[in-house]
Amino acid sequence: MGYGGYRLANGSTGCSGRVELRHGGAWGTLCDSQWDLQAAHILCQQFDCGFALSIPARQLFGTGDGPVWNGTFGCERNESRLRDCLVTALGTTECPPESEASVVCS
């Protein structure tokens, strides 16, 4: 798919923050228009951070410097990493202002 990494940025701990992913060689923020709690749970587990407590809105963790990636993660319950979820429409399509995906893990 061309994306190769995930990280949480600007959180107070390593288990919370704005969701960023590496796609096409560049780090960018994930748009939250299609971000859901199931995908957040898998990302928290991937980082050994328990489970997702919430997916806060309204730029709780600030805005990123790079592109904003817009994609839909079709996660079931058996994936252990976000990259194992089916991803569609990952690209730099328009994302509403203040719509960066974020997560707070347990």
PDB file of N, CA and C in Angstrom:
ATOM      1  N   MET A   1       0.823  -1.213   0.000  1.00  0.00           N
ATOM      2  CA  MET A   1       0.000   0.000   0.000  1.00  0.00           C
ATOM      3  C   MET A   1       0.853   1.257   0.000  1.00  0.00           C
ATOM      4  N   GLY A   2       2.124   1.185   0.364  1.00  0.00           N
ATOM      5  CA  GLY A   2       2.954   2.367   0.346  1.00  0.00           C
ATOM      6  C   GLY A   2       3.010   3.097   1.668  1.00  0.00           C
ATOM      7  N   TYR A   3       2.376   2.611   2.715  1.00  0.00           N
ATOM      8  CA  TYR A   3       2.516   3.258   4.012  1.00  0.00           C
ATOM      9  C   TYR A   3       3.294   2.334   4.922  1.00  0.00           C
ATOM     10  N   GLY A   4       4.126   2.917   5.770  1.00  0.00           N
ATOM     11  CA  GLY A   4       5.041   2.056   6.490  1.00  0.00           C
ATOM     12  C   GLY A   4       5.342   2.461   7.911  1.00  0.00           C
ATOM     13  N   GLY A   5       4.378   2.866   8.662  1.00  0.00           N
ATOM     14  CA  GLY A   5       4.641   3.158  10.059  1.00  0.00           C
ATOM     15  C   GLY A   5       3.567   4.043  10.650  1.00  0.00           C
ATOM     16  N   TYR A   6       3.443   3.936  11.958  1.00  0.00           N
ATOM     17  CA  TYR A   6       2.456   4.731  12.685  1.00  0.00           C
ATOM     18  C   TYR A   6       3.129   5.296  13.914  1.00  0.00           C
ATOM     19  N   ARG A   7       2.661   6.435  14.357  1.00  0.00           N
ATOM     20  CA  ARG A   7       3.137   7.002  15.610  1.00  0.00           C
ATOM     21  C   ARG A   7       2.058   7.910  16.191  1.00  0.00           C
ATOM     22  N   LEU A   8       2.184   8.162  17.485  1.00  0.00           N
ATOM     23  CA  LEU A   8       1.297   9.098  18.166  1.00  0.00           C
ATOM     24  C   LEU A   8       2.120  10.332  18.493  1.00  0.00           C
ATOM     25  N   ALA A   9       1.615  11.489  18.117  1.00  0.00           N
ATOM     26  CA  ALA A   9       2.366  12.730  18.270  1.00  0.00           C
ATOM     27  C   ALA A   9       1.672  13.690  19.225  1.00  0.00           C
ATOM     28  N   ASN A  10       2.485  14.411  20.000  1.00  0.00           N
ATOM     29  CA  ASN A  10       2.031  15.542  20.810  1.00  0.00           C
ATOM     30  C   ASN A  10       1.149  15.145  21.989  1.00  0.00           C
ATOM     31  N   GLY A  11       1.183  13.893  22.395  1.00  0.00           N
ATOM     32  CA  GLY A  11       0.410  13.457  23.549  1.00  0.00           C
ATOM     33  C   GLY A  11       1.207  13.634  24.830  1.00  0.00           C
ATOM     34  N   SER A  12       0.526  13.576  25.960  1.00  0.00           N
ATOM     35  CA  SER A  12       1.206  13.717  27.249  1.00  0.00           C
ATOM     36  C   SER A  12       1.941  12.438  27.641  1.00  0.00           C
ATOM     37  N   THR A  13       1.581  11.321  27.004  1.00  0.00           N
ATOM     38  CA  THR A  13       2.272  10.050  27.226  1.00  0.00           C
ATOM     39  C   THR A  13       2.508   9.410  25.868  1.00  0.00           C
ATOM     40  N   GLY A  14       3.243   8.298  25.867  1.00  0.00           N
ATOM     41  CA  GLY A  14       3.469   7.566  24.621  1.00  0.00           C
ATOM     42  C   GLY A  14       2.226   6.827  24.156  1.00  0.00           C
ATOM     43  N   CYS A  15       1.163   6.859  24.958  1.00  0.00           N
ATOM     44  CA  CYS A  15      -0.061   6.122  24.646  1.00  0.00           C
ATOM     45  C   CYS A  15      -1.237   7.049  24.356  1.00  0.00           C
ATOM     46  N   SER A  16      -0.950   8.253  23.949  1.00  0.00           N
ATOM     47  CA  SER A  16      -2.008   9.182  23.527  1.00  0.00           C
ATOM     48  C   SER A  16      -1.404  10.155  22.531  1.00  0.00           C
ATOM     49  N   GLY A  17      -2.250  10.694  21.677  1.00  0.00           N
ATOM     50  CA  GLY A  17      -1.760  11.694  20.744  1.00  0.00           C
ATOM     51  C   GLY A  17      -2.493  11.699  19.420  1.00  0.00           C
ATOM     52  N   ARG A  18      -1.992  12.550  18.548  1.00  0.00           N
ATOM     53  CA  ARG A  18      -2.494  12.660  17.182  1.00  0.00           C
ATOM     54  C   ARG A  18      -1.945  11.482  16.392  1.00  0.00           C
ATOM     55  N   VAL A  19      -2.784  10.840  15.593  1.00  0.00           N
ATOM     56  CA  VAL A  19      -2.360   9.669  14.821  1.00  0.00           C
ATOM     57  C   VAL A  19      -1.654  10.135  13.548  1.00  0.00           C
ATOM     58  N   GLU A  20      -0.394   9.724  13.419  1.00  0.00           N
ATOM     59  CA  GLU A  20       0.361  10.033  12.218  1.00  0.00           C
ATOM     60  C   GLU A  20       0.788   8.726  11.567  1.00  0.00           C
ATOM     61  N   LEU A  21       0.848   8.728  10.246  1.00  0.00           N
ATOM     62  CA  LEU A  21       1.335   7.557   9.537  1.00  0.00           C
ATOM     63  C   LEU A  21       2.261   7.973   8.420  1.00  0.00           C
ATOM     64  N   ARG A  22       3.129   7.052   8.069  1.00  0.00           N
ATOM     65  CA  ARG A  22       4.096   7.290   7.005  1.00  0.00           C
ATOM     66  C   ARG A  22       3.552   6.677   5.723  1.00  0.00           C
ATOM     67  N   HIS A  23       3.426   7.501   4.703  1.00  0.00           N
ATOM     68  CA  HIS A  23       2.880   7.061   3.419  1.00  0.00           C
ATOM     69  C   HIS A  23       3.670   7.733   2.310  1.00  0.00           C
ATOM     70  N   GLY A  24       4.158   6.947   1.372  1.00  0.00           N
ATOM     71  CA  GLY A  24       4.918   7.512   0.257  1.00  0.00           C
ATOM     72  C   GLY A  24       6.178   8.226   0.702  1.00  0.00           C
ATOM     73  N   GLY A  25       6.778   7.796   1.824  1.00  0.00           N
ATOM     74  CA  GLY A  25       8.018   8.391   2.301  1.00  0.00           C
ATOM     75  C   GLY A  25       7.845   9.617   3.175  1.00  0.00           C
ATOM     76  N   ALA A  26       6.609  10.038   3.445  1.00  0.00           N
ATOM     77  CA  ALA A  26       6.385  11.240   4.249  1.00  0.00           C
ATOM     78  C   ALA A  26       5.462  10.950   5.431  1.00  0.00           C
ATOM     79  N   TRP A  27       5.783  11.543   6.577  1.00  0.00           N
ATOM     80  CA  TRP A  27       4.892  11.453   7.730  1.00  0.00           C
ATOM     81  C   TRP A  27       3.772  12.460   7.576  1.00  0.00           C
ATOM     82  N   GLY A  28       2.571  12.041   7.869  1.00  0.00           N
ATOM     83  CA  GLY A  28       1.419  12.932   7.801  1.00  0.00           C
ATOM     84  C   GLY A  28       0.401  12.544   8.851  1.00  0.00           C
ATOM     85  N   THR A  29      -0.528  13.431   9.076  1.00  0.00           N
ATOM     86  CA  THR A  29      -1.592  13.196  10.046  1.00  0.00           C
ATOM     87  C   THR A  29      -2.737  12.462   9.364  1.00  0.00           C
ATOM     88  N   LEU A  30      -3.380  11.578  10.105  1.00  0.00           N
ATOM     89  CA  LEU A  30      -4.541  10.867   9.583  1.00  0.00           C
ATOM     90  C   LEU A  30      -5.795  11.698   9.819  1.00  0.00           C
ATOM     91  N   CYS A  31      -6.596  11.879   8.779  1.00  0.00           N
ATOM     92  CA  CYS A  31      -7.875  12.580   8.905  1.00  0.00           C
ATOM     93  C   CYS A  31      -8.834  11.697   9.702  1.00  0.00           C
ATOM     94  N   ASP A  32      -9.635  12.297  10.564  1.00  0.00           N
ATOM     95  CA  ASP A  32     -10.528  11.489  11.407  1.00  0.00           C
ATOM     96  C   ASP A  32     -11.889  11.232  10.787  1.00  0.00           C
ATOM     97  N   SER A  33     -12.090  11.621   9.526  1.00  0.00           N
ATOM     98  CA  SER A  33     -13.419  11.464   8.934  1.00  0.00           C
ATOM     99  C   SER A  33     -13.847  10.000   8.873  1.00  0.00           C
ATOM    100  N   GLN A  34     -12.896   9.080   8.782  1.00  0.00           N
ATOM    101  CA  GLN A  34     -13.211   7.657   8.738  1.00  0.00           C
ATOM    102  C   GLN A  34     -12.532   6.887   9.871  1.00  0.00           C
ATOM    103  N   TRP A  35     -11.982   7.573  10.839  1.00  0.00           N
ATOM    104  CA  TRP A  35     -11.292   6.956  11.973  1.00  0.00           C
ATOM    105  C   TRP A  35     -12.333   6.479  12.980  1.00  0.00           C
ATOM    106  N   ASP A  36     -12.222   5.227  13.406  1.00  0.00           N
ATOM    107  CA  ASP A  36     -13.213   4.718  14.349  1.00  0.00           C
ATOM    108  C   ASP A  36     -12.552   4.030  15.538  1.00  0.00           C
ATOM    109  N   LEU A  37     -13.358   3.694  16.523  1.00  0.00           N
ATOM    110  CA  LEU A  37     -12.853   3.121  17.764  1.00  0.00           C
ATOM    111  C   LEU A  37     -12.206   1.754  17.546  1.00  0.00           C
ATOM    112  N   GLN A  38     -12.711   0.973  16.600  1.00  0.00           N
ATOM    113  CA  GLN A  38     -12.107  -0.340  16.340  1.00  0.00           C
ATOM    114  C   GLN A  38     -10.678  -0.196  15.838  1.00  0.00           C
ATOM    115  N   ALA A  39     -10.449   0.711  14.900  1.00  0.00           N
ATOM    116  CA  ALA A  39      -9.088   0.947  14.413  1.00  0.00           C
ATOM    117  C   ALA A  39      -8.216   1.506  15.535  1.00  0.00           C
ATOM    118  N   ALA A  40      -8.773   2.375  16.370  1.00  0.00           N
ATOM    119  CA  ALA A  40      -8.029   2.939  17.499  1.00  0.00           C
ATOM    120  C   ALA A  40      -7.619   1.852  18.486  1.00  0.00           C
ATOM    121  N   HIS A  41      -8.509   0.890  18.744  1.00  0.00           N
ATOM    122  CA  HIS A  41      -8.179  -0.232  19.639  1.00  0.00           C
ATOM    123  C   HIS A  41      -6.970  -0.992  19.114  1.00  0.00           C
ATOM    124  N   ILE A  42      -6.962  -1.268  17.823  1.00  0.00           N
ATOM    125  CA  ILE A  42      -5.864  -2.035  17.231  1.00  0.00           C
ATOM    126  C   ILE A  42      -4.560  -1.248  17.313  1.00  0.00           C
ATOM    127  N   LEU A  43      -4.615   0.070  17.084  1.00  0.00           N
ATOM    128  CA  LEU A  43      -3.413   0.881  17.182  1.00  0.00           C
ATOM    129  C   LEU A  43      -2.890   0.891  18.624  1.00  0.00           C
ATOM    130  N   CYS A  44      -3.773   1.011  19.597  1.00  0.00           N
ATOM    131  CA  CYS A  44      -3.348   0.972  21.005  1.00  0.00           C
ATOM    132  C   CYS A  44      -2.680  -0.362  21.332  1.00  0.00           C
ATOM    133  N   GLN A  45      -3.258  -1.458  20.871  1.00  0.00           N
ATOM    134  CA  GLN A  45      -2.671  -2.777  21.115  1.00  0.00           C
ATOM    135  C   GLN A  45      -1.311  -2.901  20.436  1.00  0.00           C
ATOM    136  N   GLN A  46      -1.205  -2.340  19.241  1.00  0.00           N
ATOM    137  CA  GLN A  46       0.046  -2.379  18.495  1.00  0.00           C
ATOM    138  C   GLN A  46       1.163  -1.695  19.273  1.00  0.00           C
ATOM    139  N   PHE A  47       0.840  -0.633  19.993  1.00  0.00           N
ATOM    140  CA  PHE A  47       1.828   0.109  20.782  1.00  0.00           C
ATOM    141  C   PHE A  47       1.946  -0.403  22.221  1.00  0.00           C
ATOM    142  N   ASP A  48       1.327  -1.555  22.531  1.00  0.00           N
ATOM    143  CA  ASP A  48       1.312  -2.108  23.895  1.00  0.00           C
ATOM    144  C   ASP A  48       0.754  -1.104  24.892  1.00  0.00           C
ATOM    145  N   CYS A  49      -0.321  -0.451  24.489  1.00  0.00           N
ATOM    146  CA  CYS A  49      -0.945   0.587  25.311  1.00  0.00           C
ATOM    147  C   CYS A  49      -2.360   0.208  25.746  1.00  0.00           C
ATOM    148  N   GLY A  50      -2.668  -1.072  25.819  1.00  0.00           N
ATOM    149  CA  GLY A  50      -3.996  -1.491  26.258  1.00  0.00           C
ATOM    150  C   GLY A  50      -5.028  -1.311  25.168  1.00  0.00           C
ATOM    151  N   PHE A  51      -6.115  -0.607  25.517  1.00  0.00           N
ATOM    152  CA  PHE A  51      -7.194  -0.406  24.549  1.00  0.00           C
ATOM    153  C   PHE A  51      -7.532   1.073  24.460  1.00  0.00           C
ATOM    154  N   ALA A  52      -8.273   1.437  23.431  1.00  0.00           N
ATOM    155  CA  ALA A  52      -8.632   2.838  23.218  1.00  0.00           C
ATOM    156  C   ALA A  52      -9.722   3.258  24.199  1.00  0.00           C
ATOM    157  N   LEU A  53      -9.465   4.302  24.954  1.00  0.00           N
ATOM    158  CA  LEU A  53     -10.472   4.865  25.851  1.00  0.00           C
ATOM    159  C   LEU A  53     -11.354   5.859  25.103  1.00  0.00           C
ATOM    160  N   SER A  54     -10.744   6.628  24.202  1.00  0.00           N
ATOM    161  CA  SER A  54     -11.513   7.622  23.444  1.00  0.00           C
ATOM    162  C   SER A  54     -10.755   8.006  22.183  1.00  0.00           C
ATOM    163  N   ILE A  55     -11.490   8.600  21.251  1.00  0.00           N
ATOM    164  CA  ILE A  55     -10.897   9.180  20.047  1.00  0.00           C
ATOM    165  C   ILE A  55     -11.326  10.645  20.020  1.00  0.00           C
ATOM    166  N   PRO A  56     -10.625  11.482  20.813  1.00  0.00           N
ATOM    167  CA  PRO A  56     -11.022  12.886  20.968  1.00  0.00           C
ATOM    168  C   PRO A  56     -11.032  13.647  19.646  1.00  0.00           C
ATOM    169  N   ALA A  57     -11.877  14.627  19.569  1.00  0.00           N
ATOM    170  CA  ALA A  57     -11.980  15.470  18.375  1.00  0.00           C
ATOM    171  C   ALA A  57     -11.448  16.875  18.676  1.00  0.00           C
ATOM    172  N   ARG A  58     -11.484  17.709  17.683  1.00  0.00           N
ATOM    173  CA  ARG A  58     -11.161  19.132  17.807  1.00  0.00           C
ATOM    174  C   ARG A  58      -9.717  19.426  18.202  1.00  0.00           C
ATOM    175  N   GLN A  59      -8.781  18.802  17.542  1.00  0.00           N
ATOM    176  CA  GLN A  59      -7.360  19.115  17.665  1.00  0.00           C
ATOM    177  C   GLN A  59      -6.847  19.117  19.093  1.00  0.00           C
ATOM    178  N   LEU A  60      -7.269  18.170  19.889  1.00  0.00           N
ATOM    179  CA  LEU A  60      -6.786  18.071  21.260  1.00  0.00           C
ATOM    180  C   LEU A  60      -5.263  17.990  21.313  1.00  0.00           C
ATOM    181  N   PHE A  61      -4.663  17.366  20.291  1.00  0.00           N
ATOM    182  CA  PHE A  61      -3.219  17.172  20.263  1.00  0.00           C
ATOM    183  C   PHE A  61      -2.539  18.018  19.189  1.00  0.00           C
ATOM    184  N   GLY A  62      -3.169  19.116  18.795  1.00  0.00           N
ATOM    185  CA  GLY A  62      -2.576  20.029  17.830  1.00  0.00           C
ATOM    186  C   GLY A  62      -2.662  19.519  16.400  1.00  0.00           C
ATOM    187  N   THR A  63      -2.050  20.278  15.503  1.00  0.00           N
ATOM    188  CA  THR A  63      -2.049  19.922  14.086  1.00  0.00           C
ATOM    189  C   THR A  63      -0.650  19.495  13.672  1.00  0.00           C
ATOM    190  N   GLY A  64      -0.591  18.646  12.665  1.00  0.00           N
ATOM    191  CA  GLY A  64       0.696  18.179  12.160  1.00  0.00           C
ATOM    192  C   GLY A  64       1.266  19.117  11.118  1.00  0.00           C
ATOM    193  N   ASP A  65       2.545  18.900  10.783  1.00  0.00           N
ATOM    194  CA  ASP A  65       3.226  19.744   9.804  1.00  0.00           C
ATOM    195  C   ASP A  65       3.114  19.210   8.382  1.00  0.00           C
ATOM    196  N   GLY A  66       2.954  17.904   8.235  1.00  0.00           N
ATOM    197  CA  GLY A  66       2.959  17.282   6.922  1.00  0.00           C
ATOM    198  C   GLY A  66       1.582  17.221   6.297  1.00  0.00           C
ATOM    199  N   PRO A  67       1.447  16.363   5.299  1.00  0.00           N
ATOM    200  CA  PRO A  67       0.145  16.192   4.640  1.00  0.00           C
ATOM    201  C   PRO A  67      -0.878  15.562   5.581  1.00  0.00           C
ATOM    202  N   VAL A  68      -2.137  15.676   5.214  1.00  0.00           N
ATOM    203  CA  VAL A  68      -3.207  15.008   5.954  1.00  0.00           C
ATOM    204  C   VAL A  68      -3.698  13.868   5.079  1.00  0.00           C
ATOM    205  N   TRP A  69      -3.530  12.638   5.572  1.00  0.00           N
ATOM    206  CA  TRP A  69      -3.925  11.454   4.824  1.00  0.00           C
ATOM    207  C   TRP A  69      -5.355  11.082   5.175  1.00  0.00           C
ATOM    208  N   ASN A  70      -6.106  10.723   4.171  1.00  0.00           N
ATOM    209  CA  ASN A  70      -7.501  10.355   4.367  1.00  0.00           C
ATOM    210  C   ASN A  70      -7.681   8.922   3.906  1.00  0.00           C
ATOM    211  N   GLY A  71      -8.021   8.046   4.831  1.00  0.00           N
ATOM    212  CA  GLY A  71      -8.209   6.649   4.476  1.00  0.00           C
ATOM    213  C   GLY A  71      -9.195   5.985   5.409  1.00  0.00           C
ATOM    214  N   THR A  72      -9.763   4.894   4.948  1.00  0.00           N
ATOM    215  CA  THR A  72     -10.703   4.127   5.743  1.00  0.00           C
ATOM    216  C   THR A  72     -10.050   2.807   6.126  1.00  0.00           C
ATOM    217  N   PHE A  73      -9.971   2.544   7.419  1.00  0.00           N
ATOM    218  CA  PHE A  73      -9.411   1.289   7.907  1.00  0.00           C
ATOM    219  C   PHE A  73     -10.547   0.332   8.203  1.00  0.00           C
ATOM    220  N   GLY A  74     -10.616  -0.749   7.435  1.00  0.00           N
ATOM    221  CA  GLY A  74     -11.663  -1.754   7.642  1.00  0.00           C
ATOM    222  C   GLY A  74     -11.172  -2.811   8.608  1.00  0.00           C
ATOM    223  N   CYS A  75     -11.136  -2.477   9.883  1.00  0.00           N
ATOM    224  CA  CYS A  75     -10.600  -3.387  10.889  1.00  0.00           C
ATOM    225  C   CYS A  75     -11.694  -4.285  11.454  1.00  0.00           C
ATOM    226  N   GLU A  76     -11.344  -5.543  11.601  1.00  0.00           N
ATOM    227  CA  GLU A  76     -12.206  -6.496  12.292  1.00  0.00           C
ATOM    228  C   GLU A  76     -11.679  -6.602  13.717  1.00  0.00           C
ATOM    229  N   ARG A  77     -11.838  -7.721  14.340  1.00  0.00           N
ATOM    230  CA  ARG A  77     -11.344  -7.866  15.709  1.00  0.00           C
ATOM    231  C   ARG A  77     -10.085  -8.717  15.822  1.00  0.00           C
ATOM    232  N   ASN A  78      -9.651  -9.315  14.716  1.00  0.00           N
ATOM    233  CA  ASN A  78      -8.539 -10.250  14.813  1.00  0.00           C
ATOM    234  C   ASN A  78      -7.196  -9.678  14.371  1.00  0.00           C
ATOM    235  N   GLU A  79      -7.128  -8.436  13.932  1.00  0.00           N
ATOM    236  CA  GLU A  79      -5.850  -7.863  13.519  1.00  0.00           C
ATOM    237  C   GLU A  79      -5.022  -7.475  14.750  1.00  0.00           C
ATOM    238  N   SER A  80      -3.715  -7.657  14.633  1.00  0.00           N
ATOM    239  CA  SER A  80      -2.840  -7.256  15.729  1.00  0.00           C
ATOM    240  C   SER A  80      -2.109  -5.958  15.419  1.00  0.00           C
ATOM    241  N   ARG A  81      -2.152  -5.541  14.153  1.00  0.00           N
ATOM    242  CA  ARG A  81      -1.504  -4.290  13.739  1.00  0.00           C
ATOM    243  C   ARG A  81      -2.423  -3.565  12.769  1.00  0.00           C
ATOM    244  N   LEU A  82      -2.357  -2.249  12.800  1.00  0.00           N
ATOM    245  CA  LEU A  82      -3.218  -1.455  11.930  1.00  0.00           C
ATOM    246  C   LEU A  82      -2.933  -1.739  10.463  1.00  0.00           C
ATOM    247  N   ARG A  83      -1.687  -2.051  10.140  1.00  0.00           N
ATOM    248  CA  ARG A  83      -1.343  -2.333   8.737  1.00  0.00           C
ATOM    249  C   ARG A  83      -2.021  -3.592   8.217  1.00  0.00           C
ATOM    250  N   ASP A  84      -2.531  -4.451   9.131  1.00  0.00           N
ATOM    251  CA  ASP A  84      -3.236  -5.661   8.715  1.00  0.00           C
ATOM    252  C   ASP A  84      -4.695  -5.388   8.335  1.00  0.00           C
ATOM    253  N   CYS A  85      -5.194  -4.221   8.660  1.00  0.00           N
ATOM    254  CA  CYS A  85      -6.575  -3.852   8.315  1.00  0.00           C
ATOM    255  C   CYS A  85      -6.642  -3.466   6.839  1.00  0.00           C
ATOM    256  N   LEU A  86      -7.758  -3.743   6.210  1.00  0.00           N
ATOM    257  CA  LEU A  86      -7.974  -3.336   4.837  1.00  0.00           C
ATOM    258  C   LEU A  86      -8.089  -1.808   4.784  1.00  0.00           C
ATOM    259  N   VAL A  87      -7.293  -1.178   3.914  1.00  0.00           N
ATOM    260  CA  VAL A  87      -7.305   0.279   3.790  1.00  0.00           C
ATOM    261  C   VAL A  87      -7.789   0.656   2.400  1.00  0.00           C
ATOM    262  N   THR A  88      -8.706   1.610   2.350  1.00  0.00           N
ATOM    263  CA  THR A  88      -9.158   2.116   1.055  1.00  0.00           C
ATOM    264  C   THR A  88      -9.026   3.636   1.027  1.00  0.00           C
ATOM    265  N   ALA A  89      -8.811   4.165  -0.147  1.00  0.00           N
ATOM    266  CA  ALA A  89      -8.816   5.613  -0.404  1.00  0.00           C
ATOM    267  C   ALA A  89      -7.805   6.392   0.416  1.00  0.00           C
ATOM    268  N   LEU A  90      -6.599   5.817   0.599  1.00  0.00           N
ATOM    269  CA  LEU A  90      -5.567   6.552   1.321  1.00  0.00           C
ATOM    270  C   LEU A  90      -4.937   7.552   0.363  1.00  0.00           C
ATOM    271  N   GLY A  91      -5.101   8.821   0.646  1.00  0.00           N
ATOM    272  CA  GLY A  91      -4.558   9.868  -0.201  1.00  0.00           C
ATOM    273  C   GLY A  91      -4.763  11.212   0.460  1.00  0.00           C
ATOM    274  N   THR A  92      -4.324  12.260  -0.191  1.00  0.00           N
ATOM    275  CA  THR A  92      -4.401  13.590   0.389  1.00  0.00           C
ATOM    276  C   THR A  92      -5.660  14.315  -0.064  1.00  0.00           C
ATOM    277  N   THR A  93      -6.789  13.639   0.039  1.00  0.00           N
ATOM    278  CA  THR A  93      -8.046  14.284  -0.311  1.00  0.00           C
ATOM    279  C   THR A  93      -8.403  15.302   0.764  1.00  0.00           C
ATOM    280  N   GLU A  94      -9.376  16.126   0.488  1.00  0.00           N
ATOM    281  CA  GLU A  94      -9.765  17.170   1.433  1.00  0.00           C
ATOM    282  C   GLU A  94     -10.199  16.583   2.772  1.00  0.00           C
ATOM    283  N   CYS A  95      -9.751  17.221   3.817  1.00  0.00           N
ATOM    284  CA  CYS A  95     -10.128  16.832   5.165  1.00  0.00           C
ATOM    285  C   CYS A  95     -10.662  18.093   5.843  1.00  0.00           C
ATOM    286  N   PRO A  96     -11.815  18.014   6.487  1.00  0.00           N
ATOM    287  CA  PRO A  96     -12.355  19.206   7.145  1.00  0.00           C
ATOM    288  C   PRO A  96     -11.374  19.771   8.164  1.00  0.00           C
ATOM    289  N   PRO A  97     -11.372  21.084   8.372  1.00  0.00           N
ATOM    290  CA  PRO A  97     -10.490  21.674   9.375  1.00  0.00           C
ATOM    291  C   PRO A  97     -10.733  21.051  10.747  1.00  0.00           C
ATOM    292  N   GLU A  98      -9.678  20.993  11.541  1.00  0.00           N
ATOM    293  CA  GLU A  98      -9.740  20.469  12.901  1.00  0.00           C
ATOM    294  C   GLU A  98     -10.214  19.015  12.937  1.00  0.00           C
ATOM    295  N   SER A  99      -9.796  18.226  11.958  1.00  0.00           N
ATOM    296  CA  SER A  99     -10.268  16.841  11.871  1.00  0.00           C
ATOM    297  C   SER A  99      -9.127  15.833  11.892  1.00  0.00           C
ATOM    298  N   GLU A 100      -8.091  16.102  12.668  1.00  0.00           N
ATOM    299  CA  GLU A 100      -6.997  15.152  12.782  1.00  0.00           C
ATOM    300  C   GLU A 100      -7.387  14.020  13.724  1.00  0.00           C
ATOM    301  N   ALA A 101      -7.116  12.796  13.300  1.00  0.00           N
ATOM    302  CA  ALA A 101      -7.440  11.631  14.124  1.00  0.00           C
ATOM    303  C   ALA A 101      -6.539  11.610  15.352  1.00  0.00           C
ATOM    304  N   SER A 102      -7.107  11.190  16.468  1.00  0.00           N
ATOM    305  CA  SER A 102      -6.340  11.074  17.702  1.00  0.00           C
ATOM    306  C   SER A 102      -6.899   9.928  18.527  1.00  0.00           C
ATOM    307  N   VAL A 103      -6.118   9.542  19.537  1.00  0.00           N
ATOM    308  CA  VAL A 103      -6.549   8.449  20.403  1.00  0.00           C
ATOM    309  C   VAL A 103      -5.954   8.628  21.790  1.00  0.00           C
ATOM    310  N   VAL A 104      -6.697   8.209  22.796  1.00  0.00           N
ATOM    311  CA  VAL A 104      -6.197   8.102  24.159  1.00  0.00           C
ATOM    312  C   VAL A 104      -6.358   6.644  24.552  1.00  0.00           C
ATOM    313  N   CYS A 105      -5.224   5.983  24.791  1.00  0.00           N
ATOM    314  CA  CYS A 105      -5.241   4.563  25.152  1.00  0.00           C
ATOM    315  C   CYS A 105      -5.198   4.415  26.673  1.00  0.00           C
ATOM    316  N   SER A 106      -5.574   3.223  27.134  1.00  0.00           N
ATOM    317  CA  SER A 106      -5.594   2.967  28.573  1.00  0.00           C
ATOM    318  C   SER A 106      -4.204   2.797  29.156  1.00  0.00           C
TER     319      SER A 106
END
